C-alpha atoms as a PDB file:
ATOM      1  CA  UNK A   1       5.900 -18.540  -2.094  1.00  0.00           C
ATOM      2  CA  UNK A   2       5.725 -20.207   1.252  1.00  0.00           C
ATOM      3  CA  UNK A   3       8.999 -18.619   2.328  1.00  0.00           C
ATOM      4  CA  UNK A   4       7.553 -15.174   1.653  1.00  0.00           C
ATOM      5  CA  UNK A   5       4.469 -15.927   3.726  1.00  0.00           C
ATOM      6  CA  UNK A   6       6.659 -17.146   6.569  1.00  0.00           C
ATOM      7  CA  UNK A   7       8.890 -14.074   6.270  1.00  0.00           C
ATOM      8  CA  UNK A   8       5.905 -11.729   6.756  1.00  0.00           C
ATOM      9  CA  UNK A   9       4.262 -14.044   9.285  1.00  0.00           C
ATOM     10  CA  UNK A  10       0.985 -14.232   7.401  1.00  0.00           C
ATOM     11  CA  UNK A  11      -1.246 -16.977   6.130  1.00  0.00           C
ATOM     12  CA  UNK A  12      -2.385 -17.121   2.512  1.00  0.00           C
ATOM     13  CA  UNK A  13      -5.812 -15.532   3.193  1.00  0.00           C
ATOM     14  CA  UNK A  14      -4.454 -12.658   5.276  1.00  0.00           C
ATOM     15  CA  UNK A  15      -1.769 -11.998   2.648  1.00  0.00           C
ATOM     16  CA  UNK A  16      -4.298 -12.163  -0.208  1.00  0.00           C
ATOM     17  CA  UNK A  17      -6.737  -9.774   1.488  1.00  0.00           C
ATOM     18  CA  UNK A  18      -4.076  -7.190   2.351  1.00  0.00           C
ATOM     19  CA  UNK A  19      -2.468  -7.464  -1.092  1.00  0.00           C
ATOM     20  CA  UNK A  20      -5.873  -6.871  -2.728  1.00  0.00           C
ATOM     21  CA  UNK A  21      -6.567  -3.949  -0.370  1.00  0.00           C
ATOM     22  CA  UNK A  22      -3.189  -2.364  -1.094  1.00  0.00           C
ATOM     23  CA  UNK A  23      -3.713  -2.805  -4.838  1.00  0.00           C
ATOM     24  CA  UNK A  24      -7.093  -1.059  -4.686  1.00  0.00           C
ATOM     25  CA  UNK A  25      -5.388   1.822  -2.879  1.00  0.00           C
ATOM     26  CA  UNK A  26      -2.640   1.826  -5.525  1.00  0.00           C
ATOM     27  CA  UNK A  27      -5.290   2.078  -8.192  1.00  0.00           C
ATOM     28  CA  UNK A  28      -6.760   5.121  -6.358  1.00  0.00           C
ATOM     29  CA  UNK A  29      -3.278   6.650  -6.249  1.00  0.00           C
ATOM     30  CA  UNK A  30      -3.066   6.227 -10.031  1.00  0.00           C
ATOM     31  CA  UNK A  31      -6.518   7.694 -10.644  1.00  0.00           C
ATOM     32  CA  UNK A  32      -6.178  10.676  -8.246  1.00  0.00           C
ATOM     33  CA  UNK A  33      -2.584  11.286  -9.405  1.00  0.00           C
ATOM     34  CA  UNK A  34      -3.601  11.366 -13.017  1.00  0.00           C
ATOM     35  CA  UNK A  35      -6.478  13.767 -12.310  1.00  0.00           C
ATOM     36  CA  UNK A  36      -4.114  15.931 -10.242  1.00  0.00           C
ATOM     37  CA  UNK A  37      -1.665  16.062 -13.162  1.00  0.00           C
ATOM     38  CA  UNK A  38      -4.354  17.726 -15.325  1.00  0.00           C
ATOM     39  CA  UNK A  39      -6.018  19.735 -12.560  1.00  0.00           C
ATOM     40  CA  UNK A  40      -3.310  20.580  -9.937  1.00  0.00           C
ATOM     41  CA  UNK A  41      -5.847  22.092  -7.540  1.00  0.00           C
ATOM     42  CA  UNK A  42      -7.698  18.751  -7.191  1.00  0.00           C
ATOM     43  CA  UNK A  43      -6.390  15.963  -4.983  1.00  0.00           C
ATOM     44  CA  UNK A  44      -3.397  18.031  -3.941  1.00  0.00           C
ATOM     45  CA  UNK A  45      -2.127  15.633  -1.254  1.00  0.00           C
ATOM     46  CA  UNK A  46      -4.339  12.594  -1.857  1.00  0.00           C
ATOM     47  CA  UNK A  47      -1.896  10.385  -3.824  1.00  0.00           C
ATOM     48  CA  UNK A  48       0.867  11.082  -1.281  1.00  0.00           C
ATOM     49  CA  UNK A  49      -1.367  10.292   1.679  1.00  0.00           C
ATOM     50  CA  UNK A  50      -2.644   7.073   0.099  1.00  0.00           C
ATOM     51  CA  UNK A  51       0.914   5.936  -0.677  1.00  0.00           C
ATOM     52  CA  UNK A  52       1.905   6.690   2.902  1.00  0.00           C
ATOM     53  CA  UNK A  53      -1.066   4.694   4.128  1.00  0.00           C
ATOM     54  CA  UNK A  54       0.121   1.619   2.225  1.00  0.00           C
ATOM     55  CA  UNK A  55       3.637   1.924   3.665  1.00  0.00           C
ATOM     56  CA  UNK A  56       2.428   2.545   7.209  1.00  0.00           C
ATOM     57  CA  UNK A  57      -0.112  -0.327   7.237  1.00  0.00           C
ATOM     58  CA  UNK A  58       2.303  -2.790   5.575  1.00  0.00           C
ATOM     59  CA  UNK A  59       4.940  -1.986   8.210  1.00  0.00           C
ATOM     60  CA  UNK A  60       2.449  -2.453  11.047  1.00  0.00           C
ATOM     61  CA  UNK A  61       0.630  -5.552   9.765  1.00  0.00           C
ATOM     62  CA  UNK A  62       3.585  -7.452   8.327  1.00  0.00           C
ATOM     63  CA  UNK A  63       6.348  -5.972  10.499  1.00  0.00           C
ATOM     64  CA  UNK A  64       8.444  -5.014   7.477  1.00  0.00           C
ATOM     65  CA  UNK A  65      10.591  -1.986   6.819  1.00  0.00           C
ATOM     66  CA  UNK A  66      10.751  -1.211  10.542  1.00  0.00           C
ATOM     67  CA  UNK A  67      14.265  -2.537  11.106  1.00  0.00           C
ATOM     68  CA  UNK A  68      15.628  -3.439   7.741  1.00  0.00           C
ATOM     69  CA  UNK A  69      18.651  -5.520   8.649  1.00  0.00           C
END
């Protein structure tokens, strides 16, 4: 656990808050994606944009995925 926090250069609280935030967004992706599956004209790009938001913010905040060595 501590190795992971060191790898992403984050303390426990920062990691916890961002993980919770990203999980809430993931839940919104599930909800809007499921609705979109039944009603294709609703939430046309919402799940994609929310998923992209998670990736973009995780890369910026935790400096991951930018230069995968």
